[in-house]
């Protein structure tokens, strides 16, 4: 892995399940069983790239999970992380109250999220 935690591919990939089982996350536009061997090369690293219409610069925060990929400009990362942690905490409280039988309207009114 050479220190990388995962790969975000602006194209298709294969063997994603096997690669993830190795502890390396892969996010791609789709799956294709054909190998990229002989059809793909690394051109550069540590430089700006455009992925899915979004510019990604060295130092940006890239967060990816099963729901999608988000790019946060490096100079906004701390602020965005703080807000995201607040939203996540409110969402957890919302789910907990809904599981206990609270009404959706009341929970949304209380936490501002569902």
C-alpha atoms as a PDB file:
ATOM      1  CA  UNK A   1       0.000   0.000   0.000  1.00  0.00           C
ATOM      2  CA  UNK A   2       2.994   2.308   0.515  1.00  0.00           C
ATOM      3  CA  UNK A   3       1.098   4.266   3.181  1.00  0.00           C
ATOM      4  CA  UNK A   4      -2.100   4.731   1.186  1.00  0.00           C
ATOM      5  CA  UNK A   5      -5.359   3.917   2.947  1.00  0.00           C
ATOM      6  CA  UNK A   6      -7.399   3.429  -0.202  1.00  0.00           C
ATOM      7  CA  UNK A   7      -8.009   4.342  -3.810  1.00  0.00           C
ATOM      8  CA  UNK A   8     -10.707   6.433  -5.436  1.00  0.00           C
ATOM      9  CA  UNK A   9     -10.930   5.578  -9.104  1.00  0.00           C
ATOM     10  CA  UNK A  10     -12.606   7.852 -11.653  1.00  0.00           C
ATOM     11  CA  UNK A  11     -13.506   4.782 -13.651  1.00  0.00           C
ATOM     12  CA  UNK A  12     -14.206   1.103 -13.091  1.00  0.00           C
ATOM     13  CA  UNK A  13     -12.331  -1.479 -11.040  1.00  0.00           C
ATOM     14  CA  UNK A  14     -12.371  -5.189 -10.377  1.00  0.00           C
ATOM     15  CA  UNK A  15     -11.770  -7.483  -7.399  1.00  0.00           C
ATOM     16  CA  UNK A  16     -13.036  -4.776  -5.036  1.00  0.00           C
ATOM     17  CA  UNK A  17     -14.285  -7.275  -2.449  1.00  0.00           C
ATOM     18  CA  UNK A  18     -10.936  -9.079  -2.346  1.00  0.00           C
ATOM     19  CA  UNK A  19      -8.983  -5.831  -2.162  1.00  0.00           C
ATOM     20  CA  UNK A  20     -11.161  -4.548   0.693  1.00  0.00           C
ATOM     21  CA  UNK A  21     -10.624  -7.834   2.548  1.00  0.00           C
ATOM     22  CA  UNK A  22      -6.905  -6.961   2.476  1.00  0.00           C
ATOM     23  CA  UNK A  23      -7.716  -3.782   4.425  1.00  0.00           C
ATOM     24  CA  UNK A  24      -7.413  -1.453   1.438  1.00  0.00           C
ATOM     25  CA  UNK A  25     -10.509   0.556   0.523  1.00  0.00           C
ATOM     26  CA  UNK A  26     -11.453   0.996  -3.120  1.00  0.00           C
ATOM     27  CA  UNK A  27     -14.155   3.296  -4.473  1.00  0.00           C
ATOM     28  CA  UNK A  28     -14.957   3.292  -8.188  1.00  0.00           C
ATOM     29  CA  UNK A  29     -17.720   4.323 -10.582  1.00  0.00           C
ATOM     30  CA  UNK A  30     -18.463   0.700 -11.309  1.00  0.00           C
ATOM     31  CA  UNK A  31     -17.144  -2.800 -11.655  1.00  0.00           C
ATOM     32  CA  UNK A  32     -15.603  -4.394 -14.733  1.00  0.00           C
ATOM     33  CA  UNK A  33     -14.119  -7.896 -14.865  1.00  0.00           C
ATOM     34  CA  UNK A  34     -11.430  -6.915 -17.383  1.00  0.00           C
ATOM     35  CA  UNK A  35      -7.904  -6.359 -16.052  1.00  0.00           C
ATOM     36  CA  UNK A  36      -6.280  -2.960 -16.536  1.00  0.00           C
ATOM     37  CA  UNK A  37      -2.901  -4.623 -17.098  1.00  0.00           C
ATOM     38  CA  UNK A  38      -1.194  -3.018 -20.067  1.00  0.00           C
ATOM     39  CA  UNK A  39      -3.931  -0.381 -20.378  1.00  0.00           C
ATOM     40  CA  UNK A  40      -3.194   1.937 -17.441  1.00  0.00           C
ATOM     41  CA  UNK A  41      -0.122   3.809 -16.256  1.00  0.00           C
ATOM     42  CA  UNK A  42       0.724   6.075 -13.339  1.00  0.00           C
ATOM     43  CA  UNK A  43       1.561   9.526 -14.682  1.00  0.00           C
ATOM     44  CA  UNK A  44       2.242  11.578 -11.553  1.00  0.00           C
ATOM     45  CA  UNK A  45       1.550  11.844  -7.846  1.00  0.00           C
ATOM     46  CA  UNK A  46       1.133  14.654  -5.319  1.00  0.00           C
ATOM     47  CA  UNK A  47      -0.491  16.877  -7.944  1.00  0.00           C
ATOM     48  CA  UNK A  48      -4.004  18.259  -8.481  1.00  0.00           C
ATOM     49  CA  UNK A  49      -6.439  15.898 -10.190  1.00  0.00           C
ATOM     50  CA  UNK A  50      -9.984  16.202 -11.436  1.00  0.00           C
ATOM     51  CA  UNK A  51     -12.225  13.363 -10.276  1.00  0.00           C
ATOM     52  CA  UNK A  52     -15.901  13.224 -11.158  1.00  0.00           C
ATOM     53  CA  UNK A  53     -15.816  16.890 -12.116  1.00  0.00           C
ATOM     54  CA  UNK A  54     -14.260  17.921  -8.782  1.00  0.00           C
ATOM     55  CA  UNK A  55     -10.729  19.253  -8.399  1.00  0.00           C
ATOM     56  CA  UNK A  56      -8.731  17.536  -5.660  1.00  0.00           C
ATOM     57  CA  UNK A  57      -5.538  19.218  -4.465  1.00  0.00           C
ATOM     58  CA  UNK A  58      -2.687  17.909  -2.318  1.00  0.00           C
ATOM     59  CA  UNK A  59      -3.663  18.540   1.308  1.00  0.00           C
ATOM     60  CA  UNK A  60      -7.412  18.210   0.720  1.00  0.00           C
ATOM     61  CA  UNK A  61      -9.361  15.930   3.029  1.00  0.00           C
ATOM     62  CA  UNK A  62     -11.005  13.088   1.117  1.00  0.00           C
ATOM     63  CA  UNK A  63     -13.624  11.067   2.979  1.00  0.00           C
ATOM     64  CA  UNK A  64     -15.177   8.007   1.369  1.00  0.00           C
ATOM     65  CA  UNK A  65     -17.567   5.300   2.468  1.00  0.00           C
ATOM     66  CA  UNK A  66     -20.239   3.108   0.951  1.00  0.00           C
ATOM     67  CA  UNK A  67     -22.501   6.148   0.492  1.00  0.00           C
ATOM     68  CA  UNK A  68     -20.057   8.195  -1.559  1.00  0.00           C
ATOM     69  CA  UNK A  69     -16.957  10.365  -1.661  1.00  0.00           C
ATOM     70  CA  UNK A  70     -16.566  13.929  -0.365  1.00  0.00           C
ATOM     71  CA  UNK A  71     -13.640  16.277  -0.948  1.00  0.00           C
ATOM     72  CA  UNK A  72     -13.033  19.016   1.620  1.00  0.00           C
ATOM     73  CA  UNK A  73     -10.511  21.758   0.831  1.00  0.00           C
ATOM     74  CA  UNK A  74      -7.535  21.424   3.180  1.00  0.00           C
ATOM     75  CA  UNK A  75      -8.026  24.893   4.660  1.00  0.00           C
ATOM     76  CA  UNK A  76     -11.631  24.037   5.620  1.00  0.00           C
ATOM     77  CA  UNK A  77     -10.990  20.525   6.949  1.00  0.00           C
ATOM     78  CA  UNK A  78     -10.926  21.330  10.676  1.00  0.00           C
ATOM     79  CA  UNK A  79     -14.167  23.336  10.510  1.00  0.00           C
ATOM     80  CA  UNK A  80     -15.933  20.693   8.416  1.00  0.00           C
ATOM     81  CA  UNK A  81     -14.815  17.838  10.679  1.00  0.00           C
ATOM     82  CA  UNK A  82     -16.154  19.668  13.752  1.00  0.00           C
ATOM     83  CA  UNK A  83     -19.523  20.214  12.064  1.00  0.00           C
ATOM     84  CA  UNK A  84     -19.643  16.634  10.798  1.00  0.00           C
ATOM     85  CA  UNK A  85     -18.990  15.258  14.287  1.00  0.00           C
ATOM     86  CA  UNK A  86     -21.830  17.425  15.631  1.00  0.00           C
ATOM     87  CA  UNK A  87     -24.208  16.152  12.935  1.00  0.00           C
ATOM     88  CA  UNK A  88     -23.161  12.548  13.581  1.00  0.00           C
ATOM     89  CA  UNK A  89     -23.805  12.935  17.320  1.00  0.00           C
ATOM     90  CA  UNK A  90     -27.278  14.373  16.666  1.00  0.00           C
ATOM     91  CA  UNK A  91     -28.041  11.592  14.180  1.00  0.00           C
ATOM     92  CA  UNK A  92     -27.049   8.976  16.766  1.00  0.00           C
ATOM     93  CA  UNK A  93     -29.349  10.562  19.349  1.00  0.00           C
ATOM     94  CA  UNK A  94     -32.133  10.693  16.751  1.00  0.00           C
ATOM     95  CA  UNK A  95     -31.783   6.979  15.929  1.00  0.00           C
ATOM     96  CA  UNK A  96     -31.664   6.067  19.619  1.00  0.00           C
ATOM     97  CA  UNK A  97     -34.881   7.957  20.346  1.00  0.00           C
ATOM     98  CA  UNK A  98     -36.645   6.551  17.284  1.00  0.00           C
ATOM     99  CA  UNK A  99     -35.680   3.011  18.353  1.00  0.00           C
ATOM    100  CA  UNK A 100     -37.269   3.725  21.729  1.00  0.00           C
ATOM    101  CA  UNK A 101     -40.528   4.678  20.016  1.00  0.00           C
ATOM    102  CA  UNK A 102     -40.322   8.469  19.851  1.00  0.00           C
ATOM    103  CA  UNK A 103     -42.236  10.149  17.046  1.00  0.00           C
ATOM    104  CA  UNK A 104     -40.372  11.268  13.949  1.00  0.00           C
ATOM    105  CA  UNK A 105     -41.760  14.817  14.057  1.00  0.00           C
ATOM    106  CA  UNK A 106     -40.755  15.324  17.695  1.00  0.00           C
ATOM    107  CA  UNK A 107     -37.279  13.897  17.193  1.00  0.00           C
ATOM    108  CA  UNK A 108     -36.667  16.021  14.099  1.00  0.00           C
ATOM    109  CA  UNK A 109     -37.885  19.115  15.928  1.00  0.00           C
ATOM    110  CA  UNK A 110     -35.514  18.347  18.823  1.00  0.00           C
ATOM    111  CA  UNK A 111     -32.349  17.499  16.844  1.00  0.00           C
ATOM    112  CA  UNK A 112     -32.942  19.004  13.398  1.00  0.00           C
ATOM    113  CA  UNK A 113     -32.007  15.775  11.647  1.00  0.00           C
ATOM    114  CA  UNK A 114     -33.231  12.245  11.019  1.00  0.00           C
END
